[in-house]
Amino acid sequence: MAADAMRTYVAALLADKRPIPESTTRPCPPGAQDCMVFFETNAEYLTENAPAGAAQQQSALA
C-alpha cells in the first residue's frame, strides 16, 4: 500500500508539473526493522473522475 500511495502522489505531482521532493531516510528505532519501498510512475497513472483507488485502476487497465 505504501508503494501505491507514493506512486499516486508522485503521479499527481507530475500531472500538475510540480517538483518531486527529494527522497529521505531516517534512522530506524531500536528493535524495529527498516525496509525500502521502490516504485515507478508517470502522469498517465492517474485516471480522472474514477472513484476506485489507483491500484484498482491499474489492475483494470492490465
PDB file of N, CA and C in Angstrom:
ATOM      1  N   MET A   1       0.807  -1.184   0.000  1.00  0.00           N
ATOM      2  CA  MET A   1       0.000   0.000   0.000  1.00  0.00           C
ATOM      3  C   MET A   1       0.858   1.258   0.000  1.00  0.00           C
ATOM      4  N   ALA A   2       1.996   1.216   0.646  1.00  0.00           N
ATOM      5  CA  ALA A   2       2.862   2.396   0.686  1.00  0.00           C
ATOM      6  C   ALA A   2       3.357   2.746  -0.710  1.00  0.00           C
ATOM      7  N   ALA A   3       3.739   1.735  -1.484  1.00  0.00           N
ATOM      8  CA  ALA A   3       4.224   1.998  -2.843  1.00  0.00           C
ATOM      9  C   ALA A   3       3.113   2.574  -3.704  1.00  0.00           C
ATOM     10  N   ASP A   4       1.882   2.077  -3.558  1.00  0.00           N
ATOM     11  CA  ASP A   4       0.771   2.597  -4.342  1.00  0.00           C
ATOM     12  C   ASP A   4       0.471   4.039  -3.963  1.00  0.00           C
ATOM     13  N   ALA A   5       0.510   4.348  -2.685  1.00  0.00           N
ATOM     14  CA  ALA A   5       0.262   5.718  -2.230  1.00  0.00           C
ATOM     15  C   ALA A   5       1.334   6.663  -2.765  1.00  0.00           C
ATOM     16  N   MET A   6       2.589   6.242  -2.703  1.00  0.00           N
ATOM     17  CA  MET A   6       3.676   7.079  -3.211  1.00  0.00           C
ATOM     18  C   MET A   6       3.574   7.241  -4.725  1.00  0.00           C
ATOM     19  N   ARG A   7       3.232   6.166  -5.395  1.00  0.00           N
ATOM     20  CA  ARG A   7       3.092   6.204  -6.854  1.00  0.00           C
ATOM     21  C   ARG A   7       1.999   7.187  -7.269  1.00  0.00           C
ATOM     22  N   THR A   8       0.866   7.152  -6.570  1.00  0.00           N
ATOM     23  CA  THR A   8      -0.237   8.058  -6.870  1.00  0.00           C
ATOM     24  C   THR A   8       0.145   9.499  -6.571  1.00  0.00           C
ATOM     25  N   TYR A   9       0.801   9.725  -5.438  1.00  0.00           N
ATOM     26  CA  TYR A   9       1.226  11.078  -5.053  1.00  0.00           C
ATOM     27  C   TYR A   9       2.188  11.667  -6.081  1.00  0.00           C
ATOM     28  N   VAL A  10       3.193  10.917  -6.461  1.00  0.00           N
ATOM     29  CA  VAL A  10       4.184  11.422  -7.419  1.00  0.00           C
ATOM     30  C   VAL A  10       3.550  11.605  -8.803  1.00  0.00           C
ATOM     31  N   ALA A  11       2.645  10.710  -9.193  1.00  0.00           N
ATOM     32  CA  ALA A  11       1.954  10.872 -10.473  1.00  0.00           C
ATOM     33  C   ALA A  11       1.153  12.177 -10.480  1.00  0.00           C
ATOM     34  N   ALA A  12       0.515  12.495  -9.348  1.00  0.00           N
ATOM     35  CA  ALA A  12      -0.242  13.749  -9.250  1.00  0.00           C
ATOM     36  C   ALA A  12       0.685  14.946  -9.357  1.00  0.00           C
ATOM     37  N   LEU A  13       1.855  14.873  -8.730  1.00  0.00           N
ATOM     38  CA  LEU A  13       2.823  15.963  -8.853  1.00  0.00           C
ATOM     39  C   LEU A  13       3.262  16.125 -10.301  1.00  0.00           C
ATOM     40  N   LEU A  14       3.546  15.022 -10.974  1.00  0.00           N
ATOM     41  CA  LEU A  14       3.949  15.085 -12.374  1.00  0.00           C
ATOM     42  C   LEU A  14       2.842  15.671 -13.248  1.00  0.00           C
ATOM     43  N   ALA A  15       1.615  15.254 -13.010  1.00  0.00           N
ATOM     44  CA  ALA A  15       0.489  15.752 -13.800  1.00  0.00           C
ATOM     45  C   ALA A  15       0.317  17.261 -13.628  1.00  0.00           C
ATOM     46  N   ASP A  16       0.598  17.758 -12.415  1.00  0.00           N
ATOM     47  CA  ASP A  16       0.482  19.192 -12.135  1.00  0.00           C
ATOM     48  C   ASP A  16       1.770  19.953 -12.432  1.00  0.00           C
ATOM     49  N   LYS A  17       2.768  19.241 -12.958  1.00  0.00           N
ATOM     50  CA  LYS A  17       4.079  19.832 -13.266  1.00  0.00           C
ATOM     51  C   LYS A  17       4.705  20.513 -12.046  1.00  0.00           C
ATOM     52  N   ARG A  18       4.559  19.845 -10.888  1.00  0.00           N
ATOM     53  CA  ARG A  18       5.148  20.324  -9.646  1.00  0.00           C
ATOM     54  C   ARG A  18       6.406  19.524  -9.354  1.00  0.00           C
ATOM     55  N   PRO A  19       7.339  20.090  -8.597  1.00  0.00           N
ATOM     56  CA  PRO A  19       8.586  19.374  -8.293  1.00  0.00           C
ATOM     57  C   PRO A  19       8.346  18.163  -7.390  1.00  0.00           C
ATOM     58  N   ILE A  20       9.136  17.151  -7.582  1.00  0.00           N
ATOM     59  CA  ILE A  20       9.077  15.941  -6.757  1.00  0.00           C
ATOM     60  C   ILE A  20      10.068  16.115  -5.608  1.00  0.00           C
ATOM     61  N   PRO A  21       9.636  15.937  -4.362  1.00  0.00           N
ATOM     62  CA  PRO A  21      10.552  16.101  -3.225  1.00  0.00           C
ATOM     63  C   PRO A  21      11.707  15.105  -3.278  1.00  0.00           C
ATOM     64  N   GLU A  22      12.818  15.515  -2.728  1.00  0.00           N
ATOM     65  CA  GLU A  22      13.978  14.628  -2.611  1.00  0.00           C
ATOM     66  C   GLU A  22      13.631  13.460  -1.691  1.00  0.00           C
ATOM     67  N   SER A  23      14.211  12.313  -1.962  1.00  0.00           N
ATOM     68  CA  SER A  23      13.994  11.177  -1.064  1.00  0.00           C
ATOM     69  C   SER A  23      14.740  11.414   0.241  1.00  0.00           C
ATOM     70  N   THR A  24      14.225  10.843   1.300  1.00  0.00           N
ATOM     71  CA  THR A  24      14.853  10.977   2.613  1.00  0.00           C
ATOM     72  C   THR A  24      14.936   9.608   3.279  1.00  0.00           C
ATOM     73  N   THR A  25      15.861   9.477   4.178  1.00  0.00           N
ATOM     74  CA  THR A  25      15.949   8.283   5.016  1.00  0.00           C
ATOM     75  C   THR A  25      16.071   8.756   6.459  1.00  0.00           C
ATOM     76  N   ARG A  26      15.563   7.960   7.344  1.00  0.00           N
ATOM     77  CA  ARG A  26      15.647   8.267   8.769  1.00  0.00           C
ATOM     78  C   ARG A  26      16.132   7.020   9.495  1.00  0.00           C
ATOM     79  N   PRO A  27      16.812   7.201  10.620  1.00  0.00           N
ATOM     80  CA  PRO A  27      17.263   6.033  11.371  1.00  0.00           C
ATOM     81  C   PRO A  27      16.073   5.215  11.875  1.00  0.00           C
ATOM     82  N   CYS A  28      16.244   3.942  11.868  1.00  0.00           N
ATOM     83  CA  CYS A  28      15.217   3.022  12.335  1.00  0.00           C
ATOM     84  C   CYS A  28      15.300   2.937  13.865  1.00  0.00           C
ATOM     85  N   PRO A  29      14.164   3.025  14.569  1.00  0.00           N
ATOM     86  CA  PRO A  29      14.204   2.924  16.036  1.00  0.00           C
ATOM     87  C   PRO A  29      14.741   1.563  16.488  1.00  0.00           C
ATOM     88  N   PRO A  30      15.377   1.497  17.646  1.00  0.00           N
ATOM     89  CA  PRO A  30      15.876   0.225  18.157  1.00  0.00           C
ATOM     90  C   PRO A  30      14.748  -0.809  18.257  1.00  0.00           C
ATOM     91  N   GLY A  31      15.023  -2.021  17.833  1.00  0.00           N
ATOM     92  CA  GLY A  31      14.055  -3.103  17.892  1.00  0.00           C
ATOM     93  C   GLY A  31      13.123  -3.167  16.689  1.00  0.00           C
ATOM     94  N   ALA A  32      13.196  -2.182  15.809  1.00  0.00           N
ATOM     95  CA  ALA A  32      12.348  -2.176  14.609  1.00  0.00           C
ATOM     96  C   ALA A  32      13.171  -2.613  13.409  1.00  0.00           C
ATOM     97  N   GLN A  33      12.500  -2.957  12.336  1.00  0.00           N
ATOM     98  CA  GLN A  33      13.184  -3.371  11.117  1.00  0.00           C
ATOM     99  C   GLN A  33      12.866  -2.370  10.020  1.00  0.00           C
ATOM    100  N   ASP A  34      13.889  -1.933   9.294  1.00  0.00           N
ATOM    101  CA  ASP A  34      13.651  -0.972   8.227  1.00  0.00           C
ATOM    102  C   ASP A  34      13.500  -1.683   6.881  1.00  0.00           C
ATOM    103  N   CYS A  35      12.889  -1.008   5.944  1.00  0.00           N
ATOM    104  CA  CYS A  35      12.747  -1.537   4.590  1.00  0.00           C
ATOM    105  C   CYS A  35      12.714  -0.366   3.619  1.00  0.00           C
ATOM    106  N   MET A  36      13.036  -0.629   2.384  1.00  0.00           N
ATOM    107  CA  MET A  36      12.973   0.386   1.336  1.00  0.00           C
ATOM    108  C   MET A  36      11.792   0.061   0.441  1.00  0.00           C
ATOM    109  N   VAL A  37      11.123   1.087  -0.047  1.00  0.00           N
ATOM    110  CA  VAL A  37       9.996   0.924  -0.955  1.00  0.00           C
ATOM    111  C   VAL A  37      10.369   1.580  -2.271  1.00  0.00           C
ATOM    112  N   PHE A  38      10.303   0.817  -3.352  1.00  0.00           N
ATOM    113  CA  PHE A  38      10.623   1.328  -4.677  1.00  0.00           C
ATOM    114  C   PHE A  38       9.367   1.302  -5.536  1.00  0.00           C
ATOM    115  N   PHE A  39       9.255   2.262  -6.434  1.00  0.00           N
ATOM    116  CA  PHE A  39       8.115   2.319  -7.343  1.00  0.00           C
ATOM    117  C   PHE A  39       8.513   3.128  -8.569  1.00  0.00           C
ATOM    118  N   GLU A  40       7.719   2.997  -9.615  1.00  0.00           N
ATOM    119  CA  GLU A  40       7.880   3.862 -10.780  1.00  0.00           C
ATOM    120  C   GLU A  40       6.484   4.318 -11.186  1.00  0.00           C
ATOM    121  N   THR A  41       6.418   5.482 -11.799  1.00  0.00           N
ATOM    122  CA  THR A  41       5.116   6.019 -12.176  1.00  0.00           C
ATOM    123  C   THR A  41       5.275   7.060 -13.266  1.00  0.00           C
ATOM    124  N   ASN A  42       4.172   7.524 -13.788  1.00  0.00           N
ATOM    125  CA  ASN A  42       4.130   8.663 -14.698  1.00  0.00           C
ATOM    126  C   ASN A  42       2.762   9.314 -14.548  1.00  0.00           C
ATOM    127  N   ALA A  43       2.566  10.464 -15.164  1.00  0.00           N
ATOM    128  CA  ALA A  43       1.318  11.204 -15.008  1.00  0.00           C
ATOM    129  C   ALA A  43       0.121  10.421 -15.533  1.00  0.00           C
ATOM    130  N   GLU A  44       0.329   9.540 -16.490  1.00  0.00           N
ATOM    131  CA  GLU A  44      -0.768   8.760 -17.062  1.00  0.00           C
ATOM    132  C   GLU A  44      -1.294   7.702 -16.094  1.00  0.00           C
ATOM    133  N   TYR A  45      -0.598   7.486 -14.977  1.00  0.00           N
ATOM    134  CA  TYR A  45      -1.052   6.527 -13.973  1.00  0.00           C
ATOM    135  C   TYR A  45      -2.406   6.940 -13.388  1.00  0.00           C
ATOM    136  N   LEU A  46      -2.671   8.246 -13.355  1.00  0.00           N
ATOM    137  CA  LEU A  46      -3.916   8.753 -12.792  1.00  0.00           C
ATOM    138  C   LEU A  46      -5.050   8.612 -13.800  1.00  0.00           C
ATOM    139  N   THR A  47      -6.233   8.289 -13.309  1.00  0.00           N
ATOM    140  CA  THR A  47      -7.432   8.208 -14.130  1.00  0.00           C
ATOM    141  C   THR A  47      -8.417   9.237 -13.604  1.00  0.00           C
ATOM    142  N   GLU A  48      -8.837  10.153 -14.441  1.00  0.00           N
ATOM    143  CA  GLU A  48      -9.720  11.230 -13.993  1.00  0.00           C
ATOM    144  C   GLU A  48     -11.114  10.720 -13.653  1.00  0.00           C
ATOM    145  N   ASN A  49     -11.694  11.325 -12.622  1.00  0.00           N
ATOM    146  CA  ASN A  49     -13.079  11.078 -12.208  1.00  0.00           C
ATOM    147  C   ASN A  49     -13.374   9.616 -11.882  1.00  0.00           C
ATOM    148  N   ALA A  50     -12.396   8.875 -11.458  1.00  0.00           N
ATOM    149  CA  ALA A  50     -12.618   7.469 -11.125  1.00  0.00           C
ATOM    150  C   ALA A  50     -12.690   7.324  -9.606  1.00  0.00           C
ATOM    151  N   PRO A  51     -13.734   6.692  -9.074  1.00  0.00           N
ATOM    152  CA  PRO A  51     -13.840   6.542  -7.626  1.00  0.00           C
ATOM    153  C   PRO A  51     -12.927   5.464  -7.051  1.00  0.00           C
ATOM    154  N   ALA A  52     -12.423   4.562  -7.888  1.00  0.00           N
ATOM    155  CA  ALA A  52     -11.576   3.462  -7.409  1.00  0.00           C
ATOM    156  C   ALA A  52     -10.184   3.977  -7.067  1.00  0.00           C
ATOM    157  N   GLY A  53      -9.494   3.227  -6.220  1.00  0.00           N
ATOM    158  CA  GLY A  53      -8.118   3.563  -5.894  1.00  0.00           C
ATOM    159  C   GLY A  53      -7.205   3.309  -7.083  1.00  0.00           C
ATOM    160  N   ALA A  54      -6.021   3.856  -7.033  1.00  0.00           N
ATOM    161  CA  ALA A  54      -5.092   3.756  -8.143  1.00  0.00           C
ATOM    162  C   ALA A  54      -4.720   2.299  -8.446  1.00  0.00           C
ATOM    163  N   ALA A  55      -4.562   1.475  -7.403  1.00  0.00           N
ATOM    164  CA  ALA A  55      -4.200   0.069  -7.632  1.00  0.00           C
ATOM    165  C   ALA A  55      -5.321  -0.649  -8.383  1.00  0.00           C
ATOM    166  N   GLN A  56      -6.570  -0.354  -8.045  1.00  0.00           N
ATOM    167  CA  GLN A  56      -7.698  -0.961  -8.742  1.00  0.00           C
ATOM    168  C   GLN A  56      -7.753  -0.498 -10.190  1.00  0.00           C
ATOM    169  N   GLN A  57      -7.472   0.747 -10.426  1.00  0.00           N
ATOM    170  CA  GLN A  57      -7.476   1.289 -11.778  1.00  0.00           C
ATOM    171  C   GLN A  57      -6.394   0.614 -12.618  1.00  0.00           C
ATOM    172  N   GLN A  58      -5.214   0.464 -12.044  1.00  0.00           N
ATOM    173  CA  GLN A  58      -4.105  -0.165 -12.770  1.00  0.00           C
ATOM    174  C   GLN A  58      -4.449  -1.607 -13.108  1.00  0.00           C
ATOM    175  N   SER A  59      -5.073  -2.331 -12.180  1.00  0.00           N
ATOM    176  CA  SER A  59      -5.460  -3.705 -12.442  1.00  0.00           C
ATOM    177  C   SER A  59      -6.492  -3.781 -13.561  1.00  0.00           C
ATOM    178  N   ALA A  60      -7.406  -2.823 -13.601  1.00  0.00           N
ATOM    179  CA  ALA A  60      -8.433  -2.810 -14.637  1.00  0.00           C
ATOM    180  C   ALA A  60      -7.830  -2.537 -16.015  1.00  0.00           C
ATOM    181  N   LEU A  61      -6.725  -1.795 -16.058  1.00  0.00           N
ATOM    182  CA  LEU A  61      -6.079  -1.466 -17.329  1.00  0.00           C
ATOM    183  C   LEU A  61      -5.219  -2.613 -17.842  1.00  0.00           C
ATOM    184  N   ALA A  62      -4.781  -3.485 -16.941  1.00  0.00           N
ATOM    185  CA  ALA A  62      -3.866  -4.572 -17.327  1.00  0.00           C
ATOM    186  C   ALA A  62      -4.570  -5.683 -18.082  1.00  0.00           C
TER     187      ALA A  62
END
